[in-house]
Amino acid sequence: MNRSLNNLLQLRTRQLGLSLSDVAERAGMTRAYLHRLAVGGTANPGIMTLQRLATALQVPASAIYRIFTNTLACP
């Protein structure tokens, strides 16, 4: 489970006044895929997917990359 990404997603959607559907649409993915990313159901998302998510959440891409790097390093 990727608590860090899920927490970031919840925090930023509240701060930006967006729904998960809004974020998914802005990131060019389905809401179901966004949910799988947030809970760790996707083992190896592409770098462009993470970049689009960072843009949709209006956070530095490095913040998203760091979450996935740490998740992969510490099973």
Protein backbone atom coordinates (compact mmCIF):
# COMPACT_ATOMS: atom_id res chain seq x y z
CA MET A 1 0.00 0.00 0.00
CA ASN A 2 1.33 3.39 -0.93
CA ARG A 3 0.13 5.54 1.98
CA SER A 4 2.35 8.46 1.04
CA LEU A 5 0.86 8.88 -2.41
CA ASN A 6 -2.66 8.29 -1.13
CA ASN A 7 -2.12 10.93 1.58
CA LEU A 8 -0.65 13.39 -0.91
CA LEU A 9 -3.53 12.80 -3.29
CA GLN A 10 -6.14 13.40 -0.59
CA LEU A 11 -4.37 16.49 0.72
CA ARG A 12 -3.87 18.12 -2.68
CA THR A 13 -7.39 17.39 -3.92
CA ARG A 14 -8.75 19.11 -0.81
CA GLN A 15 -6.35 22.05 -1.15
CA LEU A 16 -7.15 22.50 -4.84
CA GLY A 17 -10.88 21.91 -4.42
CA LEU A 18 -10.82 19.07 -6.94
CA SER A 19 -12.42 15.66 -7.01
CA LEU A 20 -10.49 12.49 -7.80
CA SER A 21 -12.25 12.45 -11.16
CA ASP A 22 -10.96 15.97 -11.86
CA VAL A 23 -7.39 14.97 -11.01
CA ALA A 24 -7.64 11.81 -13.10
CA GLU A 25 -8.95 13.78 -16.08
CA ARG A 26 -6.20 16.40 -15.76
CA ALA A 27 -3.60 13.63 -15.55
CA GLY A 28 -5.03 11.84 -18.59
CA MET A 29 -5.92 8.62 -16.79
CA THR A 30 -9.02 6.88 -15.54
CA ARG A 31 -10.20 7.32 -11.98
CA ALA A 32 -9.76 3.57 -11.46
CA TYR A 33 -6.10 3.75 -12.54
CA LEU A 34 -5.52 6.77 -10.29
CA HIS A 35 -6.95 4.80 -7.38
CA ARG A 36 -4.67 1.83 -8.18
CA LEU A 37 -1.67 4.16 -8.22
CA ALA A 38 -2.68 5.69 -4.89
CA VAL A 39 -3.05 2.36 -3.09
CA GLY A 40 -0.02 0.69 -4.66
CA GLY A 41 -1.91 -1.57 -7.06
CA THR A 42 0.38 -0.61 -9.94
CA ALA A 43 3.87 -1.98 -9.57
CA ASN A 44 5.73 0.08 -12.15
CA PRO A 45 4.02 3.19 -13.50
CA GLY A 46 5.70 5.02 -16.37
CA ILE A 47 7.66 8.18 -15.77
CA MET A 48 5.28 10.19 -17.96
CA THR A 49 2.33 8.93 -15.90
CA LEU A 50 4.00 10.20 -12.74
CA GLN A 51 4.85 13.49 -14.46
CA ARG A 52 1.23 14.00 -15.55
CA LEU A 53 0.02 13.21 -12.03
CA ALA A 54 2.44 15.74 -10.55
CA THR A 55 1.22 18.37 -12.99
CA ALA A 56 -2.42 17.62 -12.17
CA LEU A 57 -1.70 17.88 -8.42
CA GLN A 58 0.45 20.99 -8.94
CA VAL A 59 3.42 19.54 -7.05
CA PRO A 60 7.02 19.08 -8.17
CA ALA A 61 7.49 15.88 -10.14
CA SER A 62 10.37 15.01 -7.81
CA ALA A 63 7.88 14.65 -4.94
CA ILE A 64 5.98 11.95 -6.84
CA TYR A 65 9.18 10.26 -8.03
CA ARG A 66 10.51 10.18 -4.46
CA ILE A 67 7.37 8.45 -3.21
CA PHE A 68 7.72 5.69 -5.82
CA THR A 69 11.47 5.37 -5.37
CA ASN A 70 11.04 4.90 -1.64
CA THR A 71 8.20 2.44 -2.15
CA LEU A 72 10.27 0.34 -4.53
CA ALA A 73 13.34 0.43 -2.28
CA CYS A 74 11.46 -0.61 0.88
CA PRO A 75 9.00 -3.44 0.22
